[in-house]
Amino acid sequence: MTVSLPLVLVLGLIAWAAIKFLGVRVWIAVVIALFGFLLSRTFLAPAIDSGTRSGVDVVNGTHD
């Protein structure tokens, strides 16, 4: 069975759980999100994209 969820929904749930159960402050979650958007415009973006795709492939069991 394949379930398709938007990444924003998954990250939102993780952020909500961290704020609710781990005591992470809201402003820290906002700063981390903004840093992620800024980081996506740097020279590190291709490496992050490649690492993320490889991790998803490993989790899904579709790696070569």
PDB file of N, CA and C in Angstrom:
ATOM      1  N   MET A   1       0.851  -1.172   0.000  1.00  0.00           N
ATOM      2  CA  MET A   1       0.000   0.000   0.000  1.00  0.00           C
ATOM      3  C   MET A   1       0.900   1.239   0.000  1.00  0.00           C
ATOM      4  N   THR A   2       0.592   2.172  -0.875  1.00  0.00           N
ATOM      5  CA  THR A   2       1.357   3.411  -0.972  1.00  0.00           C
ATOM      6  C   THR A   2       0.498   4.567  -0.484  1.00  0.00           C
ATOM      7  N   VAL A   3       1.063   5.338   0.431  1.00  0.00           N
ATOM      8  CA  VAL A   3       0.381   6.517   0.948  1.00  0.00           C
ATOM      9  C   VAL A   3       1.176   7.729   0.507  1.00  0.00           C
ATOM     10  N   SER A   4       0.483   8.703  -0.051  1.00  0.00           N
ATOM     11  CA  SER A   4       1.151   9.910  -0.524  1.00  0.00           C
ATOM     12  C   SER A   4       0.702  11.097   0.330  1.00  0.00           C
ATOM     13  N   LEU A   5       1.652  11.659   1.087  1.00  0.00           N
ATOM     14  CA  LEU A   5       1.375  12.823   1.923  1.00  0.00           C
ATOM     15  C   LEU A   5       2.271  13.971   1.504  1.00  0.00           C
ATOM     16  N   PRO A   6       1.744  15.169   1.485  1.00  0.00           N
ATOM     17  CA  PRO A   6       2.607  16.310   1.195  1.00  0.00           C
ATOM     18  C   PRO A   6       3.657  16.486   2.295  1.00  0.00           C
ATOM     19  N   LEU A   7       4.855  16.849   1.890  1.00  0.00           N
ATOM     20  CA  LEU A   7       5.947  17.020   2.846  1.00  0.00           C
ATOM     21  C   LEU A   7       5.622  18.106   3.868  1.00  0.00           C
ATOM     22  N   VAL A   8       4.927  19.135   3.444  1.00  0.00           N
ATOM     23  CA  VAL A   8       4.576  20.223   4.355  1.00  0.00           C
ATOM     24  C   VAL A   8       3.680  19.701   5.481  1.00  0.00           C
ATOM     25  N   LEU A   9       2.766  18.803   5.164  1.00  0.00           N
ATOM     26  CA  LEU A   9       1.889  18.223   6.181  1.00  0.00           C
ATOM     27  C   LEU A   9       2.689  17.394   7.188  1.00  0.00           C
ATOM     28  N   VAL A  10       3.598  16.590   6.695  1.00  0.00           N
ATOM     29  CA  VAL A  10       4.418  15.754   7.575  1.00  0.00           C
ATOM     30  C   VAL A  10       5.292  16.621   8.480  1.00  0.00           C
ATOM     31  N   LEU A  11       5.946  17.635   7.911  1.00  0.00           N
ATOM     32  CA  LEU A  11       6.793  18.509   8.712  1.00  0.00           C
ATOM     33  C   LEU A  11       5.967  19.322   9.701  1.00  0.00           C
ATOM     34  N   GLY A  12       4.775  19.713   9.291  1.00  0.00           N
ATOM     35  CA  GLY A  12       3.886  20.428  10.209  1.00  0.00           C
ATOM     36  C   GLY A  12       3.490  19.582  11.401  1.00  0.00           C
ATOM     37  N   LEU A  13       3.201  18.307  11.158  1.00  0.00           N
ATOM     38  CA  LEU A  13       2.857  17.396  12.260  1.00  0.00           C
ATOM     39  C   LEU A  13       4.044  17.177  13.200  1.00  0.00           C
ATOM     40  N   ILE A  14       5.227  17.059  12.621  1.00  0.00           N
ATOM     41  CA  ILE A  14       6.428  16.895  13.448  1.00  0.00           C
ATOM     42  C   ILE A  14       6.667  18.143  14.293  1.00  0.00           C
ATOM     43  N   ALA A  15       6.500  19.315  13.677  1.00  0.00           N
ATOM     44  CA  ALA A  15       6.684  20.567  14.422  1.00  0.00           C
ATOM     45  C   ALA A  15       5.643  20.699  15.527  1.00  0.00           C
ATOM     46  N   TRP A  16       4.398  20.366  15.217  1.00  0.00           N
ATOM     47  CA  TRP A  16       3.335  20.439  16.235  1.00  0.00           C
ATOM     48  C   TRP A  16       3.645  19.502  17.401  1.00  0.00           C
ATOM     49  N   ALA A  17       4.076  18.275  17.100  1.00  0.00           N
ATOM     50  CA  ALA A  17       4.394  17.315  18.156  1.00  0.00           C
ATOM     51  C   ALA A  17       5.580  17.796  18.991  1.00  0.00           C
ATOM     52  N   ALA A  18       6.578  18.388  18.345  1.00  0.00           N
ATOM     53  CA  ALA A  18       7.737  18.888  19.081  1.00  0.00           C
ATOM     54  C   ALA A  18       7.342  20.029  20.007  1.00  0.00           C
ATOM     55  N   ILE A  19       6.460  20.900  19.529  1.00  0.00           N
ATOM     56  CA  ILE A  19       6.013  22.023  20.356  1.00  0.00           C
ATOM     57  C   ILE A  19       5.144  21.524  21.501  1.00  0.00           C
ATOM     58  N   LYS A  20       4.251  20.594  21.192  1.00  0.00           N
ATOM     59  CA  LYS A  20       3.274  20.114  22.181  1.00  0.00           C
ATOM     60  C   LYS A  20       3.923  19.212  23.239  1.00  0.00           C
ATOM     61  N   PHE A  21       4.722  18.257  22.810  1.00  0.00           N
ATOM     62  CA  PHE A  21       5.200  17.218  23.724  1.00  0.00           C
ATOM     63  C   PHE A  21       6.647  17.387  24.188  1.00  0.00           C
ATOM     64  N   LEU A  22       7.475  18.049  23.403  1.00  0.00           N
ATOM     65  CA  LEU A  22       8.883  18.196  23.773  1.00  0.00           C
ATOM     66  C   LEU A  22       9.199  19.560  24.362  1.00  0.00           C
ATOM     67  N   GLY A  23       8.239  20.463  24.321  1.00  0.00           N
ATOM     68  CA  GLY A  23       8.449  21.771  24.903  1.00  0.00           C
ATOM     69  C   GLY A  23       9.285  22.711  24.056  1.00  0.00           C
ATOM     70  N   VAL A  24       9.377  22.437  22.751  1.00  0.00           N
ATOM     71  CA  VAL A  24      10.098  23.330  21.857  1.00  0.00           C
ATOM     72  C   VAL A  24       9.284  24.616  21.720  1.00  0.00           C
ATOM     73  N   ARG A  25       9.955  25.730  21.810  1.00  0.00           N
ATOM     74  CA  ARG A  25       9.249  27.012  21.690  1.00  0.00           C
ATOM     75  C   ARG A  25       8.882  27.280  20.233  1.00  0.00           C
ATOM     76  N   VAL A  26       7.768  27.964  20.037  1.00  0.00           N
ATOM     77  CA  VAL A  26       7.269  28.240  18.691  1.00  0.00           C
ATOM     78  C   VAL A  26       8.280  29.049  17.886  1.00  0.00           C
ATOM     79  N   TRP A  27       8.929  30.025  18.516  1.00  0.00           N
ATOM     80  CA  TRP A  27       9.866  30.858  17.767  1.00  0.00           C
ATOM     81  C   TRP A  27      11.052  30.046  17.259  1.00  0.00           C
ATOM     82  N   ILE A  28      11.441  28.997  17.974  1.00  0.00           N
ATOM     83  CA  ILE A  28      12.544  28.152  17.510  1.00  0.00           C
ATOM     84  C   ILE A  28      12.113  27.373  16.265  1.00  0.00           C
ATOM     85  N   ALA A  29      10.884  26.865  16.276  1.00  0.00           N
ATOM     86  CA  ALA A  29      10.371  26.151  15.108  1.00  0.00           C
ATOM     87  C   ALA A  29      10.300  27.079  13.899  1.00  0.00           C
ATOM     88  N   VAL A  30       9.903  28.322  14.105  1.00  0.00           N
ATOM     89  CA  VAL A  30       9.820  29.294  13.008  1.00  0.00           C
ATOM     90  C   VAL A  30      11.214  29.608  12.475  1.00  0.00           C
ATOM     91  N   VAL A  31      12.177  29.801  13.360  1.00  0.00           N
ATOM     92  CA  VAL A  31      13.554  30.091  12.930  1.00  0.00           C
ATOM     93  C   VAL A  31      14.124  28.917  12.138  1.00  0.00           C
ATOM     94  N   ILE A  32      13.885  27.703  12.564  1.00  0.00           N
ATOM     95  CA  ILE A  32      14.379  26.528  11.845  1.00  0.00           C
ATOM     96  C   ILE A  32      13.751  26.447  10.459  1.00  0.00           C
ATOM     97  N   ALA A  33      12.446  26.717  10.369  1.00  0.00           N
ATOM     98  CA  ALA A  33      11.776  26.699   9.065  1.00  0.00           C
ATOM     99  C   ALA A  33      12.343  27.774   8.140  1.00  0.00           C
ATOM    100  N   LEU A  34      12.532  28.983   8.653  1.00  0.00           N
ATOM    101  CA  LEU A  34      13.094  30.051   7.831  1.00  0.00           C
ATOM    102  C   LEU A  34      14.522  29.735   7.391  1.00  0.00           C
ATOM    103  N   PHE A  35      15.307  29.156   8.292  1.00  0.00           N
ATOM    104  CA  PHE A  35      16.671  28.770   7.943  1.00  0.00           C
ATOM    105  C   PHE A  35      16.653  27.721   6.827  1.00  0.00           C
ATOM    106  N   GLY A  36      15.704  26.812   6.863  1.00  0.00           N
ATOM    107  CA  GLY A  36      15.591  25.798   5.807  1.00  0.00           C
ATOM    108  C   GLY A  36      15.297  26.422   4.459  1.00  0.00           C
ATOM    109  N   PHE A  37      14.394  27.407   4.434  1.00  0.00           N
ATOM    110  CA  PHE A  37      14.097  28.085   3.179  1.00  0.00           C
ATOM    111  C   PHE A  37      15.314  28.851   2.668  1.00  0.00           C
ATOM    112  N   LEU A  38      16.040  29.507   3.549  1.00  0.00           N
ATOM    113  CA  LEU A  38      17.243  30.226   3.131  1.00  0.00           C
ATOM    114  C   LEU A  38      18.327  29.267   2.656  1.00  0.00           C
ATOM    115  N   LEU A  39      18.466  28.134   3.319  1.00  0.00           N
ATOM    116  CA  LEU A  39      19.477  27.148   2.962  1.00  0.00           C
ATOM    117  C   LEU A  39      19.199  26.539   1.593  1.00  0.00           C
ATOM    118  N   SER A  40      17.940  26.474   1.195  1.00  0.00           N
ATOM    119  CA  SER A  40      17.593  25.876  -0.088  1.00  0.00           C
ATOM    120  C   SER A  40      18.065  26.717  -1.265  1.00  0.00           C
ATOM    121  N   ARG A  41      18.465  27.958  -1.026  1.00  0.00           N
ATOM    122  CA  ARG A  41      18.956  28.841  -2.088  1.00  0.00           C
ATOM    123  C   ARG A  41      20.479  28.919  -2.115  1.00  0.00           C
ATOM    124  N   THR A  42      21.166  28.064  -1.382  1.00  0.00           N
ATOM    125  CA  THR A  42      22.622  28.110  -1.350  1.00  0.00           C
ATOM    126  C   THR A  42      23.212  26.997  -2.207  1.00  0.00           C
ATOM    127  N   PHE A  43      24.517  26.937  -2.253  1.00  0.00           N
ATOM    128  CA  PHE A  43      25.213  25.902  -3.014  1.00  0.00           C
ATOM    129  C   PHE A  43      25.043  24.513  -2.386  1.00  0.00           C
ATOM    130  N   LEU A  44      24.547  24.447  -1.155  1.00  0.00           N
ATOM    131  CA  LEU A  44      24.345  23.162  -0.492  1.00  0.00           C
ATOM    132  C   LEU A  44      23.047  22.462  -0.901  1.00  0.00           C
ATOM    133  N   ALA A  45      22.171  23.171  -1.612  1.00  0.00           N
ATOM    134  CA  ALA A  45      20.858  22.625  -1.963  1.00  0.00           C
ATOM    135  C   ALA A  45      20.939  21.306  -2.739  1.00  0.00           C
ATOM    136  N   PRO A  46      21.799  21.174  -3.751  1.00  0.00           N
ATOM    137  CA  PRO A  46      21.861  19.883  -4.454  1.00  0.00           C
ATOM    138  C   PRO A  46      22.280  18.719  -3.550  1.00  0.00           C
ATOM    139  N   ALA A  47      23.195  18.960  -2.635  1.00  0.00           N
ATOM    140  CA  ALA A  47      23.623  17.902  -1.722  1.00  0.00           C
ATOM    141  C   ALA A  47      22.498  17.518  -0.766  1.00  0.00           C
ATOM    142  N   ILE A  48      21.764  18.504  -0.287  1.00  0.00           N
ATOM    143  CA  ILE A  48      20.646  18.235   0.605  1.00  0.00           C
ATOM    144  C   ILE A  48      19.562  17.462  -0.135  1.00  0.00           C
ATOM    145  N   ASP A  49      19.276  17.865  -1.375  1.00  0.00           N
ATOM    146  CA  ASP A  49      18.264  17.188  -2.180  1.00  0.00           C
ATOM    147  C   ASP A  49      18.657  15.735  -2.440  1.00  0.00           C
ATOM    148  N   SER A  50      19.910  15.524  -2.801  1.00  0.00           N
ATOM    149  CA  SER A  50      20.393  14.169  -3.066  1.00  0.00           C
ATOM    150  C   SER A  50      20.324  13.296  -1.814  1.00  0.00           C
ATOM    151  N   GLY A  51      20.738  13.860  -0.684  1.00  0.00           N
ATOM    152  CA  GLY A  51      20.687  13.101   0.570  1.00  0.00           C
ATOM    153  C   GLY A  51      19.268  12.778   0.998  1.00  0.00           C
ATOM    154  N   THR A  52      18.364  13.724   0.791  1.00  0.00           N
ATOM    155  CA  THR A  52      16.964  13.495   1.137  1.00  0.00           C
ATOM    156  C   THR A  52      16.364  12.411   0.261  1.00  0.00           C
ATOM    157  N   ARG A  53      16.632  12.478  -1.039  1.00  0.00           N
ATOM    158  CA  ARG A  53      16.095  11.459  -1.952  1.00  0.00           C
ATOM    159  C   ARG A  53      16.665  10.083  -1.630  1.00  0.00           C
ATOM    160  N   SER A  54      17.945  10.010  -1.307  1.00  0.00           N
ATOM    161  CA  SER A  54      18.547   8.732  -0.941  1.00  0.00           C
ATOM    162  C   SER A  54      17.924   8.177   0.331  1.00  0.00           C
ATOM    163  N   GLY A  55      17.691   9.049   1.304  1.00  0.00           N
ATOM    164  CA  GLY A  55      17.053   8.607   2.542  1.00  0.00           C
ATOM    165  C   GLY A  55      15.644   8.098   2.321  1.00  0.00           C
ATOM    166  N   VAL A  56      14.894   8.776   1.474  1.00  0.00           N
ATOM    167  CA  VAL A  56      13.529   8.328   1.156  1.00  0.00           C
ATOM    168  C   VAL A  56      13.569   6.987   0.441  1.00  0.00           C
ATOM    169  N   ASP A  57      14.522   6.812  -0.485  1.00  0.00           N
ATOM    170  CA  ASP A  57      14.645   5.537  -1.175  1.00  0.00           C
ATOM    171  C   ASP A  57      14.963   4.409  -0.208  1.00  0.00           C
ATOM    172  N   VAL A  58      15.826   4.660   0.759  1.00  0.00           N
ATOM    173  CA  VAL A  58      16.166   3.637   1.750  1.00  0.00           C
ATOM    174  C   VAL A  58      14.952   3.281   2.592  1.00  0.00           C
ATOM    175  N   VAL A  59      14.206   4.284   3.014  1.00  0.00           N
ATOM    176  CA  VAL A  59      13.020   4.029   3.827  1.00  0.00           C
ATOM    177  C   VAL A  59      11.966   3.276   3.024  1.00  0.00           C
ATOM    178  N   ASN A  60      11.798   3.633   1.760  1.00  0.00           N
ATOM    179  CA  ASN A  60      10.795   2.976   0.920  1.00  0.00           C
ATOM    180  C   ASN A  60      11.257   1.628   0.405  1.00  0.00           C
ATOM    181  N   GLY A  61      12.545   1.339   0.534  1.00  0.00           N
ATOM    182  CA  GLY A  61      13.075   0.063   0.061  1.00  0.00           C
ATOM    183  C   GLY A  61      13.241   0.014  -1.448  1.00  0.00           C
ATOM    184  N   THR A  62      13.414   1.173  -2.088  1.00  0.00           N
ATOM    185  CA  THR A  62      13.548   1.223  -3.541  1.00  0.00           C
ATOM    186  C   THR A  62      14.962   1.573  -3.987  1.00  0.00           C
ATOM    187  N   HIS A  63      15.940   1.502  -3.073  1.00  0.00           N
ATOM    188  CA  HIS A  63      17.310   1.840  -3.449  1.00  0.00           C
ATOM    189  C   HIS A  63      17.929   0.680  -4.220  1.00  0.00           C
ATOM    190  N   ASP A  64      18.962   1.010  -5.010  1.00  0.00           N
ATOM    191  CA  ASP A  64      19.614  -0.014  -5.844  1.00  0.00           C
ATOM    192  C   ASP A  64      20.706  -0.721  -5.104  1.00  0.00           C
TER     193      ASP A  64
END
